[in-house]
Amino acid sequence: MAHDHEHQACGCGCGGHGAPEAASRDWATAPETEVVCPCLGLSKAHILAAIQAGAFTLPLLKVMTGAGRGRDCARLHPQGSSCEADLAALLRLFARPPAGWPQGGCGH
């Protein structure tokens, strides 16, 4: 996948930073009340609502919800890391890009 921007701590969320972390749980079977973003207290239902409203890439989801952008991720998340892997897993399960969107593109 080609990227036209630098990935050193850019926070773009496009997946060009190397191997992604594993999601903290199986989001296909998790209840909608399950917290995805401990920093903001966002549940699976909050994330799914953003996906249904049009968030189909990680950057869009992060902007629309604020998830994965907190400064206390390592301290607040039970896995000691960002919720980005969980957001990406929810996108893989529930998001559909609009018709005509290039396959494999990172949205930049």
PDB file of N, CA and C in Angstrom:
ATOM      1  N   MET A   1       0.850  -1.159   0.000  1.00  0.00           N
ATOM      2  CA  MET A   1       0.000   0.000   0.000  1.00  0.00           C
ATOM      3  C   MET A   1       0.902   1.229   0.000  1.00  0.00           C
ATOM      4  N   ALA A   2       0.718   2.093  -0.958  1.00  0.00           N
ATOM      5  CA  ALA A   2       1.534   3.298  -1.050  1.00  0.00           C
ATOM      6  C   ALA A   2       0.908   4.420  -0.245  1.00  0.00           C
ATOM      7  N   HIS A   3       1.744   5.164   0.444  1.00  0.00           N
ATOM      8  CA  HIS A   3       1.291   6.311   1.225  1.00  0.00           C
ATOM      9  C   HIS A   3       2.126   7.514   0.826  1.00  0.00           C
ATOM     10  N   ASP A   4       1.497   8.658   0.711  1.00  0.00           N
ATOM     11  CA  ASP A   4       2.220   9.853   0.314  1.00  0.00           C
ATOM     12  C   ASP A   4       2.479  10.788   1.484  1.00  0.00           C
ATOM     13  N   HIS A   5       2.533  10.266   2.686  1.00  0.00           N
ATOM     14  CA  HIS A   5       2.795  11.090   3.852  1.00  0.00           C
ATOM     15  C   HIS A   5       3.641  10.320   4.854  1.00  0.00           C
ATOM     16  N   GLU A   6       4.293  11.054   5.707  1.00  0.00           N
ATOM     17  CA  GLU A   6       5.187  10.471   6.710  1.00  0.00           C
ATOM     18  C   GLU A   6       4.391   9.834   7.837  1.00  0.00           C
ATOM     19  N   HIS A   7       4.848   8.689   8.332  1.00  0.00           N
ATOM     20  CA  HIS A   7       4.142   7.984   9.388  1.00  0.00           C
ATOM     21  C   HIS A   7       4.808   8.080  10.749  1.00  0.00           C
ATOM     22  N   GLN A   8       5.854   8.794  10.887  1.00  0.00           N
ATOM     23  CA  GLN A   8       6.493   8.920  12.189  1.00  0.00           C
ATOM     24  C   GLN A   8       5.606   9.753  13.109  1.00  0.00           C
ATOM     25  N   ALA A   9       4.837   9.081  13.946  1.00  0.00           N
ATOM     26  CA  ALA A   9       3.966   9.721  14.932  1.00  0.00           C
ATOM     27  C   ALA A   9       2.956  10.680  14.308  1.00  0.00           C
ATOM     28  N   CYS A  10       2.491  10.376  13.090  1.00  0.00           N
ATOM     29  CA  CYS A  10       1.546  11.296  12.460  1.00  0.00           C
ATOM     30  C   CYS A  10       0.133  11.128  13.009  1.00  0.00           C
ATOM     31  N   GLY A  11      -0.191   9.954  13.551  1.00  0.00           N
ATOM     32  CA  GLY A  11      -1.512   9.746  14.133  1.00  0.00           C
ATOM     33  C   GLY A  11      -2.637   9.666  13.128  1.00  0.00           C
ATOM     34  N   CYS A  12      -2.304   9.394  11.875  1.00  0.00           N
ATOM     35  CA  CYS A  12      -3.342   9.408  10.850  1.00  0.00           C
ATOM     36  C   CYS A  12      -4.268   8.207  10.951  1.00  0.00           C
ATOM     37  N   GLY A  13      -3.806   7.100  11.487  1.00  0.00           N
ATOM     38  CA  GLY A  13      -4.652   5.933  11.660  1.00  0.00           C
ATOM     39  C   GLY A  13      -4.890   5.133  10.407  1.00  0.00           C
ATOM     40  N   CYS A  14      -4.096   5.326   9.371  1.00  0.00           N
ATOM     41  CA  CYS A  14      -4.356   4.635   8.115  1.00  0.00           C
ATOM     42  C   CYS A  14      -3.771   3.227   8.075  1.00  0.00           C
ATOM     43  N   GLY A  15      -3.049   2.837   9.082  1.00  0.00           N
ATOM     44  CA  GLY A  15      -2.514   1.484   9.120  1.00  0.00           C
ATOM     45  C   GLY A  15      -1.142   1.347   8.492  1.00  0.00           C
ATOM     46  N   GLY A  16      -0.517   2.418   8.100  1.00  0.00           N
ATOM     47  CA  GLY A  16       0.783   2.351   7.469  1.00  0.00           C
ATOM     48  C   GLY A  16       1.940   2.358   8.438  1.00  0.00           C
ATOM     49  N   HIS A  17       1.698   2.112   9.687  1.00  0.00           N
ATOM     50  CA  HIS A  17       2.729   2.192  10.707  1.00  0.00           C
ATOM     51  C   HIS A  17       3.318   0.840  11.076  1.00  0.00           C
ATOM     52  N   GLY A  18       3.038  -0.176  10.342  1.00  0.00           N
ATOM     53  CA  GLY A  18       3.545  -1.494  10.691  1.00  0.00           C
ATOM     54  C   GLY A  18       2.405  -2.404  11.102  1.00  0.00           C
ATOM     55  N   ALA A  19       2.757  -3.490  11.756  1.00  0.00           N
ATOM     56  CA  ALA A  19       1.754  -4.479  12.150  1.00  0.00           C
ATOM     57  C   ALA A  19       0.788  -3.888  13.176  1.00  0.00           C
ATOM     58  N   PRO A  20      -0.523  -4.045  12.934  1.00  0.00           N
ATOM     59  CA  PRO A  20      -1.494  -3.509  13.883  1.00  0.00           C
ATOM     60  C   PRO A  20      -1.539  -4.348  15.156  1.00  0.00           C
ATOM     61  N   GLU A  21      -1.891  -3.689  16.249  1.00  0.00           N
ATOM     62  CA  GLU A  21      -2.080  -4.405  17.499  1.00  0.00           C
ATOM     63  C   GLU A  21      -3.348  -5.244  17.390  1.00  0.00           C
ATOM     64  N   ALA A  22      -3.447  -6.263  18.198  1.00  0.00           N
ATOM     65  CA  ALA A  22      -4.646  -7.086  18.226  1.00  0.00           C
ATOM     66  C   ALA A  22      -5.751  -6.374  18.997  1.00  0.00           C
ATOM     67  N   ALA A  23      -6.977  -6.555  18.567  1.00  0.00           N
ATOM     68  CA  ALA A  23      -8.124  -5.996  19.278  1.00  0.00           C
ATOM     69  C   ALA A  23      -8.191  -6.627  20.665  1.00  0.00           C
ATOM     70  N   SER A  24      -8.749  -5.884  21.610  1.00  0.00           N
ATOM     71  CA  SER A  24      -8.784  -6.369  22.989  1.00  0.00           C
ATOM     72  C   SER A  24      -9.833  -7.448  23.223  1.00  0.00           C
ATOM     73  N   ARG A  25     -10.799  -7.569  22.292  1.00  0.00           N
ATOM     74  CA  ARG A  25     -11.827  -8.601  22.437  1.00  0.00           C
ATOM     75  C   ARG A  25     -12.490  -8.886  21.117  1.00  0.00           C
ATOM     76  N   ASP A  26     -13.398  -9.858  21.104  1.00  0.00           N
ATOM     77  CA  ASP A  26     -14.148 -10.216  19.901  1.00  0.00           C
ATOM     78  C   ASP A  26     -15.331  -9.259  19.780  1.00  0.00           C
ATOM     79  N   TRP A  27     -15.198  -8.245  18.951  1.00  0.00           N
ATOM     80  CA  TRP A  27     -16.222  -7.212  18.840  1.00  0.00           C
ATOM     81  C   TRP A  27     -17.457  -7.682  18.094  1.00  0.00           C
ATOM     82  N   ALA A  28     -17.386  -8.786  17.374  1.00  0.00           N
ATOM     83  CA  ALA A  28     -18.574  -9.305  16.687  1.00  0.00           C
ATOM     84  C   ALA A  28     -19.616  -9.778  17.698  1.00  0.00           C
ATOM     85  N   THR A  29     -19.158 -10.305  18.832  1.00  0.00           N
ATOM     86  CA  THR A  29     -20.088 -10.843  19.822  1.00  0.00           C
ATOM     87  C   THR A  29     -20.217  -9.971  21.070  1.00  0.00           C
ATOM     88  N   ALA A  30     -19.422  -8.932  21.164  1.00  0.00           N
ATOM     89  CA  ALA A  30     -19.467  -8.055  22.343  1.00  0.00           C
ATOM     90  C   ALA A  30     -20.798  -7.312  22.398  1.00  0.00           C
ATOM     91  N   PRO A  31     -21.333  -7.116  23.597  1.00  0.00           N
ATOM     92  CA  PRO A  31     -22.585  -6.354  23.722  1.00  0.00           C
ATOM     93  C   PRO A  31     -22.352  -4.886  23.360  1.00  0.00           C
ATOM     94  N   GLU A  32     -23.412  -4.207  22.961  1.00  0.00           N
ATOM     95  CA  GLU A  32     -23.293  -2.800  22.561  1.00  0.00           C
ATOM     96  C   GLU A  32     -22.924  -1.888  23.724  1.00  0.00           C
ATOM     97  N   THR A  33     -23.059  -2.368  24.943  1.00  0.00           N
ATOM     98  CA  THR A  33     -22.700  -1.581  26.117  1.00  0.00           C
ATOM     99  C   THR A  33     -21.200  -1.671  26.446  1.00  0.00           C
ATOM    100  N   GLU A  34     -20.489  -2.580  25.787  1.00  0.00           N
ATOM    101  CA  GLU A  34     -19.060  -2.771  26.048  1.00  0.00           C
ATOM    102  C   GLU A  34     -18.287  -1.499  25.693  1.00  0.00           C
ATOM    103  N   VAL A  35     -17.409  -1.072  26.600  1.00  0.00           N
ATOM    104  CA  VAL A  35     -16.627   0.141  26.374  1.00  0.00           C
ATOM    105  C   VAL A  35     -15.485  -0.147  25.406  1.00  0.00           C
ATOM    106  N   VAL A  36     -15.415   0.674  24.360  1.00  0.00           N
ATOM    107  CA  VAL A  36     -14.357   0.567  23.362  1.00  0.00           C
ATOM    108  C   VAL A  36     -13.239   1.555  23.688  1.00  0.00           C
ATOM    109  N   CYS A  37     -13.625   2.774  24.039  1.00  0.00           N
ATOM    110  CA  CYS A  37     -12.668   3.849  24.328  1.00  0.00           C
ATOM    111  C   CYS A  37     -12.794   4.253  25.794  1.00  0.00           C
ATOM    112  N   PRO A  38     -11.941   3.694  26.661  1.00  0.00           N
ATOM    113  CA  PRO A  38     -12.006   4.032  28.082  1.00  0.00           C
ATOM    114  C   PRO A  38     -11.723   5.512  28.363  1.00  0.00           C
ATOM    115  N   CYS A  39     -10.912   6.154  27.533  1.00  0.00           N
ATOM    116  CA  CYS A  39     -10.583   7.568  27.759  1.00  0.00           C
ATOM    117  C   CYS A  39     -11.831   8.444  27.729  1.00  0.00           C
ATOM    118  N   LEU A  40     -12.729   8.167  26.797  1.00  0.00           N
ATOM    119  CA  LEU A  40     -13.937   8.972  26.637  1.00  0.00           C
ATOM    120  C   LEU A  40     -15.194   8.249  27.093  1.00  0.00           C
ATOM    121  N   GLY A  41     -15.064   6.983  27.475  1.00  0.00           N
ATOM    122  CA  GLY A  41     -16.224   6.212  27.904  1.00  0.00           C
ATOM    123  C   GLY A  41     -17.160   5.856  26.761  1.00  0.00           C
ATOM    124  N   LEU A  42     -16.621   5.709  25.550  1.00  0.00           N
ATOM    125  CA  LEU A  42     -17.448   5.401  24.384  1.00  0.00           C
ATOM    126  C   LEU A  42     -17.678   3.895  24.265  1.00  0.00           C
ATOM    127  N   SER A  43     -18.929   3.538  24.109  1.00  0.00           N
ATOM    128  CA  SER A  43     -19.305   2.124  23.993  1.00  0.00           C
ATOM    129  C   SER A  43     -19.312   1.681  22.531  1.00  0.00           C
ATOM    130  N   LYS A  44     -19.482   0.403  22.361  1.00  0.00           N
ATOM    131  CA  LYS A  44     -19.624  -0.159  21.017  1.00  0.00           C
ATOM    132  C   LYS A  44     -20.795   0.512  20.307  1.00  0.00           C
ATOM    133  N   ALA A  45     -21.881   0.799  21.011  1.00  0.00           N
ATOM    134  CA  ALA A  45     -23.049   1.463  20.408  1.00  0.00           C
ATOM    135  C   ALA A  45     -22.673   2.836  19.864  1.00  0.00           C
ATOM    136  N   HIS A  46     -21.845   3.599  20.597  1.00  0.00           N
ATOM    137  CA  HIS A  46     -21.390   4.908  20.124  1.00  0.00           C
ATOM    138  C   HIS A  46     -20.599   4.768  18.828  1.00  0.00           C
ATOM    139  N   ILE A  47     -19.705   3.789  18.795  1.00  0.00           N
ATOM    140  CA  ILE A  47     -18.855   3.590  17.625  1.00  0.00           C
ATOM    141  C   ILE A  47     -19.698   3.127  16.440  1.00  0.00           C
ATOM    142  N   LEU A  48     -20.634   2.211  16.684  1.00  0.00           N
ATOM    143  CA  LEU A  48     -21.504   1.739  15.601  1.00  0.00           C
ATOM    144  C   LEU A  48     -22.371   2.864  15.049  1.00  0.00           C
ATOM    145  N   ALA A  49     -22.818   3.782  15.905  1.00  0.00           N
ATOM    146  CA  ALA A  49     -23.616   4.918  15.441  1.00  0.00           C
ATOM    147  C   ALA A  49     -22.789   5.791  14.497  1.00  0.00           C
ATOM    148  N   ALA A  50     -21.523   6.001  14.818  1.00  0.00           N
ATOM    149  CA  ALA A  50     -20.654   6.788  13.939  1.00  0.00           C
ATOM    150  C   ALA A  50     -20.418   6.063  12.613  1.00  0.00           C
ATOM    151  N   ILE A  51     -20.248   4.756  12.680  1.00  0.00           N
ATOM    152  CA  ILE A  51     -20.072   3.972  11.454  1.00  0.00           C
ATOM    153  C   ILE A  51     -21.328   4.078  10.591  1.00  0.00           C
ATOM    154  N   GLN A  52     -22.485   3.956  11.202  1.00  0.00           N
ATOM    155  CA  GLN A  52     -23.734   4.075  10.455  1.00  0.00           C
ATOM    156  C   GLN A  52     -23.931   5.475   9.894  1.00  0.00           C
ATOM    157  N   ALA A  53     -23.326   6.486  10.539  1.00  0.00           N
ATOM    158  CA  ALA A  53     -23.424   7.874  10.076  1.00  0.00           C
ATOM    159  C   ALA A  53     -22.405   8.194   8.983  1.00  0.00           C
ATOM    160  N   GLY A  54     -21.556   7.224   8.637  1.00  0.00           N
ATOM    161  CA  GLY A  54     -20.645   7.426   7.518  1.00  0.00           C
ATOM    162  C   GLY A  54     -19.173   7.247   7.788  1.00  0.00           C
ATOM    163  N   ALA A  55     -18.782   6.958   9.021  1.00  0.00           N
ATOM    164  CA  ALA A  55     -17.363   6.720   9.308  1.00  0.00           C
ATOM    165  C   ALA A  55     -16.996   5.341   8.761  1.00  0.00           C
ATOM    166  N   PHE A  56     -16.203   5.314   7.700  1.00  0.00           N
ATOM    167  CA  PHE A  56     -15.823   4.027   7.115  1.00  0.00           C
ATOM    168  C   PHE A  56     -14.314   3.838   7.078  1.00  0.00           C
ATOM    169  N   THR A  57     -13.556   4.830   7.571  1.00  0.00           N
ATOM    170  CA  THR A  57     -12.105   4.702   7.714  1.00  0.00           C
ATOM    171  C   THR A  57     -11.741   5.047   9.158  1.00  0.00           C
ATOM    172  N   LEU A  58     -10.580   4.614   9.572  1.00  0.00           N
ATOM    173  CA  LEU A  58     -10.137   4.893  10.935  1.00  0.00           C
ATOM    174  C   LEU A  58      -9.999   6.396  11.187  1.00  0.00           C
ATOM    175  N   PRO A  59      -9.413   7.160  10.275  1.00  0.00           N
ATOM    176  CA  PRO A  59      -9.351   8.604  10.522  1.00  0.00           C
ATOM    177  C   PRO A  59     -10.730   9.246  10.675  1.00  0.00           C
ATOM    178  N   LEU A  60     -11.683   8.865   9.843  1.00  0.00           N
ATOM    179  CA  LEU A  60     -13.042   9.408   9.970  1.00  0.00           C
ATOM    180  C   LEU A  60     -13.662   9.025  11.303  1.00  0.00           C
ATOM    181  N   LEU A  61     -13.508   7.770  11.693  1.00  0.00           N
ATOM    182  CA  LEU A  61     -14.084   7.304  12.951  1.00  0.00           C
ATOM    183  C   LEU A  61     -13.486   8.056  14.135  1.00  0.00           C
ATOM    184  N   LYS A  62     -12.181   8.282  14.096  1.00  0.00           N
ATOM    185  CA  LYS A  62     -11.518   8.996  15.179  1.00  0.00           C
ATOM    186  C   LYS A  62     -11.981  10.447  15.264  1.00  0.00           C
ATOM    187  N   VAL A  63     -12.159  11.083  14.117  1.00  0.00           N
ATOM    188  CA  VAL A  63     -12.620  12.470  14.108  1.00  0.00           C
ATOM    189  C   VAL A  63     -14.074  12.567  14.560  1.00  0.00           C
ATOM    190  N   MET A  64     -14.907  11.668  14.089  1.00  0.00           N
ATOM    191  CA  MET A  64     -16.334  11.725  14.405  1.00  0.00           C
ATOM    192  C   MET A  64     -16.628  11.389  15.867  1.00  0.00           C
ATOM    193  N   THR A  65     -15.796  10.580  16.495  1.00  0.00           N
ATOM    194  CA  THR A  65     -16.078  10.151  17.871  1.00  0.00           C
ATOM    195  C   THR A  65     -15.102  10.710  18.900  1.00  0.00           C
ATOM    196  N   GLY A  66     -13.912  11.061  18.475  1.00  0.00           N
ATOM    197  CA  GLY A  66     -12.860  11.465  19.404  1.00  0.00           C
ATOM    198  C   GLY A  66     -12.096  10.275  19.960  1.00  0.00           C
ATOM    199  N   ALA A  67     -12.558   9.075  19.685  1.00  0.00           N
ATOM    200  CA  ALA A  67     -11.908   7.858  20.184  1.00  0.00           C
ATOM    201  C   ALA A  67     -10.517   7.713  19.578  1.00  0.00           C
ATOM    202  N   GLY A  68      -9.621   7.116  20.339  1.00  0.00           N
ATOM    203  CA  GLY A  68      -8.276   6.859  19.855  1.00  0.00           C
ATOM    204  C   GLY A  68      -7.405   8.091  19.783  1.00  0.00           C
ATOM    205  N   ARG A  69      -7.860   9.176  20.351  1.00  0.00           N
ATOM    206  CA  ARG A  69      -7.109  10.434  20.286  1.00  0.00           C
ATOM    207  C   ARG A  69      -6.746  10.958  21.664  1.00  0.00           C
ATOM    208  N   GLY A  70      -7.047  10.180  22.702  1.00  0.00           N
ATOM    209  CA  GLY A  70      -6.783  10.619  24.064  1.00  0.00           C
ATOM    210  C   GLY A  70      -5.309  10.576  24.427  1.00  0.00           C
ATOM    211  N   ARG A  71      -4.934  11.370  25.389  1.00  0.00           N
ATOM    212  CA  ARG A  71      -3.545  11.414  25.840  1.00  0.00           C
ATOM    213  C   ARG A  71      -3.288  10.441  26.994  1.00  0.00           C
ATOM    214  N   ASP A  72      -4.333   9.854  27.554  1.00  0.00           N
ATOM    215  CA  ASP A  72      -4.185   8.947  28.684  1.00  0.00           C
ATOM    216  C   ASP A  72      -4.446   7.490  28.307  1.00  0.00           C
ATOM    217  N   CYS A  73      -4.314   7.160  27.016  1.00  0.00           N
ATOM    218  CA  CYS A  73      -4.659   5.808  26.562  1.00  0.00           C
ATOM    219  C   CYS A  73      -3.917   4.716  27.325  1.00  0.00           C
ATOM    220  N   ALA A  74      -2.623   4.854  27.464  1.00  0.00           N
ATOM    221  CA  ALA A  74      -1.838   3.798  28.114  1.00  0.00           C
ATOM    222  C   ALA A  74      -2.273   3.596  29.560  1.00  0.00           C
ATOM    223  N   ARG A  75      -2.711   4.652  30.215  1.00  0.00           N
ATOM    224  CA  ARG A  75      -3.111   4.544  31.612  1.00  0.00           C
ATOM    225  C   ARG A  75      -4.546   4.049  31.756  1.00  0.00           C
ATOM    226  N   LEU A  76      -5.450   4.481  30.886  1.00  0.00           N
ATOM    227  CA  LEU A  76      -6.869   4.174  31.044  1.00  0.00           C
ATOM    228  C   LEU A  76      -7.322   2.883  30.371  1.00  0.00           C
ATOM    229  N   HIS A  77      -6.672   2.487  29.289  1.00  0.00           N
ATOM    230  CA  HIS A  77      -7.096   1.288  28.561  1.00  0.00           C
ATOM    231  C   HIS A  77      -6.606   0.041  29.282  1.00  0.00           C
ATOM    232  N   PRO A  78      -7.471  -0.957  29.452  1.00  0.00           N
ATOM    233  CA  PRO A  78      -7.061  -2.190  30.146  1.00  0.00           C
ATOM    234  C   PRO A  78      -5.865  -2.883  29.498  1.00  0.00           C
ATOM    235  N   GLN A  79      -5.669  -2.689  28.197  1.00  0.00           N
ATOM    236  CA  GLN A  79      -4.534  -3.301  27.505  1.00  0.00           C
ATOM    237  C   GLN A  79      -3.279  -2.427  27.576  1.00  0.00           C
ATOM    238  N   GLY A  80      -3.397  -1.234  28.142  1.00  0.00           N
ATOM    239  CA  GLY A  80      -2.250  -0.349  28.255  1.00  0.00           C
ATOM    240  C   GLY A  80      -1.827   0.271  26.939  1.00  0.00           C
ATOM    241  N   SER A  81      -2.777   0.428  26.017  1.00  0.00           N
ATOM    242  CA  SER A  81      -2.468   1.009  24.716  1.00  0.00           C
ATOM    243  C   SER A  81      -3.693   1.744  24.197  1.00  0.00           C
ATOM    244  N   SER A  82      -3.602   2.272  23.012  1.00  0.00           N
ATOM    245  CA  SER A  82      -4.721   2.970  22.389  1.00  0.00           C
ATOM    246  C   SER A  82      -5.836   1.992  22.022  1.00  0.00           C
ATOM    247  N   CYS A  83      -7.032   2.518  21.862  1.00  0.00           N
ATOM    248  CA  CYS A  83      -8.161   1.691  21.418  1.00  0.00           C
ATOM    249  C   CYS A  83      -8.199   1.578  19.897  1.00  0.00           C
ATOM    250  N   GLU A  84      -7.166   2.054  19.228  1.00  0.00           N
ATOM    251  CA  GLU A  84      -7.133   2.065  17.768  1.00  0.00           C
ATOM    252  C   GLU A  84      -7.352   0.680  17.159  1.00  0.00           C
ATOM    253  N   ALA A  85      -6.766  -0.360  17.748  1.00  0.00           N
ATOM    254  CA  ALA A  85      -6.942  -1.718  17.220  1.00  0.00           C
ATOM    255  C   ALA A  85      -8.403  -2.159  17.344  1.00  0.00           C
ATOM    256  N   ASP A  86      -9.061  -1.747  18.427  1.00  0.00           N
ATOM    257  CA  ASP A  86     -10.473  -2.086  18.606  1.00  0.00           C
ATOM    258  C   ASP A  86     -11.341  -1.326  17.603  1.00  0.00           C
ATOM    259  N   LEU A  87     -11.015  -0.066  17.374  1.00  0.00           N
ATOM    260  CA  LEU A  87     -11.748   0.721  16.379  1.00  0.00           C
ATOM    261  C   LEU A  87     -11.592   0.100  14.996  1.00  0.00           C
ATOM    262  N   ALA A  88     -10.371  -0.301  14.659  1.00  0.00           N
ATOM    263  CA  ALA A  88     -10.112  -0.923  13.359  1.00  0.00           C
ATOM    264  C   ALA A  88     -10.888  -2.233  13.216  1.00  0.00           C
ATOM    265  N   ALA A  89     -10.965  -3.006  14.307  1.00  0.00           N
ATOM    266  CA  ALA A  89     -11.714  -4.267  14.263  1.00  0.00           C
ATOM    267  C   ALA A  89     -13.201  -4.003  14.025  1.00  0.00           C
ATOM    268  N   LEU A  90     -13.748  -2.993  14.691  1.00  0.00           N
ATOM    269  CA  LEU A  90     -15.161  -2.644  14.486  1.00  0.00           C
ATOM    270  C   LEU A  90     -15.411  -2.172  13.059  1.00  0.00           C
ATOM    271  N   LEU A  91     -14.489  -1.424  12.504  1.00  0.00           N
ATOM    272  CA  LEU A  91     -14.621  -0.997  11.114  1.00  0.00           C
ATOM    273  C   LEU A  91     -14.605  -2.193  10.165  1.00  0.00           C
ATOM    274  N   ARG A  92     -13.679  -3.120  10.395  1.00  0.00           N
ATOM    275  CA  ARG A  92     -13.615  -4.314   9.532  1.00  0.00           C
ATOM    276  C   ARG A  92     -14.926  -5.098   9.587  1.00  0.00           C
ATOM    277  N   LEU A  93     -15.531  -5.150  10.755  1.00  0.00           N
ATOM    278  CA  LEU A  93     -16.759  -5.921  10.925  1.00  0.00           C
ATOM    279  C   LEU A  93     -18.007  -5.212  10.392  1.00  0.00           C
ATOM    280  N   PHE A  94     -18.093  -3.897  10.578  1.00  0.00           N
ATOM    281  CA  PHE A  94     -19.366  -3.220  10.361  1.00  0.00           C
ATOM    282  C   PHE A  94     -19.372  -2.110   9.308  1.00  0.00           C
ATOM    283  N   ALA A  95     -18.234  -1.606   8.892  1.00  0.00           N
ATOM    284  CA  ALA A  95     -18.206  -0.482   7.948  1.00  0.00           C
ATOM    285  C   ALA A  95     -18.151  -0.964   6.510  1.00  0.00           C
ATOM    286  N   ARG A  96     -18.777  -0.213   5.656  1.00  0.00           N
ATOM    287  CA  ARG A  96     -18.732  -0.467   4.225  1.00  0.00           C
ATOM    288  C   ARG A  96     -18.392   0.838   3.525  1.00  0.00           C
ATOM    289  N   PRO A  97     -17.304   0.852   2.727  1.00  0.00           N
ATOM    290  CA  PRO A  97     -16.965   2.081   2.017  1.00  0.00           C
ATOM    291  C   PRO A  97     -18.034   2.423   0.986  1.00  0.00           C
ATOM    292  N   PRO A  98     -18.148   3.697   0.643  1.00  0.00           N
ATOM    293  CA  PRO A  98     -19.131   4.074  -0.366  1.00  0.00           C
ATOM    294  C   PRO A  98     -18.785   3.471  -1.727  1.00  0.00           C
ATOM    295  N   ALA A  99     -19.772   3.345  -2.568  1.00  0.00           N
ATOM    296  CA  ALA A  99     -19.569   2.807  -3.913  1.00  0.00           C
ATOM    297  C   ALA A  99     -18.510   3.640  -4.630  1.00  0.00           C
ATOM    298  N   GLY A 100     -17.590   2.955  -5.286  1.00  0.00           N
ATOM    299  CA  GLY A 100     -16.549   3.625  -6.032  1.00  0.00           C
ATOM    300  C   GLY A 100     -15.310   3.953  -5.241  1.00  0.00           C
ATOM    301  N   TRP A 101     -15.320   3.690  -3.923  1.00  0.00           N
ATOM    302  CA  TRP A 101     -14.146   3.964  -3.106  1.00  0.00           C
ATOM    303  C   TRP A 101     -13.044   2.987  -3.472  1.00  0.00           C
ATOM    304  N   PRO A 102     -11.802   3.434  -3.685  1.00  0.00           N
ATOM    305  CA  PRO A 102     -10.727   2.527  -4.100  1.00  0.00           C
ATOM    306  C   PRO A 102     -10.429   1.458  -3.048  1.00  0.00           C
ATOM    307  N   GLN A 103     -10.300   0.245  -3.492  1.00  0.00           N
ATOM    308  CA  GLN A 103      -9.974  -0.866  -2.594  1.00  0.00           C
ATOM    309  C   GLN A 103      -8.551  -0.712  -2.078  1.00  0.00           C
ATOM    310  N   GLY A 104      -8.360  -0.863  -0.775  1.00  0.00           N
ATOM    311  CA  GLY A 104      -7.026  -0.843  -0.191  1.00  0.00           C
ATOM    312  C   GLY A 104      -6.469   0.540   0.048  1.00  0.00           C
ATOM    313  N   GLY A 105      -7.198   1.602  -0.328  1.00  0.00           N
ATOM    314  CA  GLY A 105      -6.711   2.965  -0.105  1.00  0.00           C
ATOM    315  C   GLY A 105      -6.857   3.338   1.351  1.00  0.00           C
ATOM    316  N   CYS A 106      -6.003   4.242   1.815  1.00  0.00           N
ATOM    317  CA  CYS A 106      -6.063   4.630   3.221  1.00  0.00           C
ATOM    318  C   CYS A 106      -6.888   5.886   3.436  1.00  0.00           C
ATOM    319  N   GLY A 107      -7.457   6.450   2.408  1.00  0.00           N
ATOM    320  CA  GLY A 107      -8.343   7.587   2.578  1.00  0.00           C
ATOM    321  C   GLY A 107      -7.662   8.929   2.583  1.00  0.00           C
ATOM    322  N   HIS A 108      -6.400   8.993   2.173  1.00  0.00           N
ATOM    323  CA  HIS A 108      -5.696  10.271   2.145  1.00  0.00           C
ATOM    324  C   HIS A 108      -5.614  10.776   0.728  1.00  0.00           C
TER     325      HIS A 108
END
